[in-house]
Amino acid sequence: MPMLPSGRHVGLSARPLVELLDHARHGDNAAKVMGLKVWNDLYPWLEVLVFLPVGPPGTPPSPRADASLPAPPGLIAVHTGYRLADWQTCAALWSEADRKGMAAFLDGRAREHFALYLEQIRGVQEKLKAATGTTVVQLPAQQEGGDAQRNDAASGSKKSSTGRGAPDRD
């Protein structure tokens, strides 16, 4: 976890990623896991944390981060509510120097650290392939007209290539 030029401490929590991997065979999680190939694919599955000073006794507890690295002395990890995919929105009010520091952290130490997770992910992907006996692929989230085309194919009707519902003339 870096300390940015302003003194702000930030970090990343892999908890959502670990939960996805732990439940890779449930629901549509297999397709999500199969889509994780490179460092940037992990961004939606990592939480951005900030480390804030521990409040005086009697201060209401803040939403502390679970399962993260130990916080620096006198600080506690707090969820920002942002995933790494949205870190620039989280950092909108940060100084330019802090944003550059975060980008350098992501391109350096964080990328190296999470390469270990990518190795673990590849192992989970191999297990998923072996368990299903088939190739598991990631489906596009939404294809234009995808549901209508599937419904039409199931009913046997023919759609025009123009998408207007009239059959093409042969």
Foldseek 3Di string as FASTA:
>chain_A
DDQFPVRKDKDKDQVQVVVLLVPCPPDPSVQLLQPPAALVSCQQRIFMKTWDFDDDPPDDDAQFDPPDDDDPPRITIHTPPDTSVCVCVVCVVPDPRRVVVVVVCSVPVVRVVCVVVNVVSVVSNVVVCVVVVHHRHRDDPDDVCVVVVVVCVVVVQAADPVRPRDHDDD
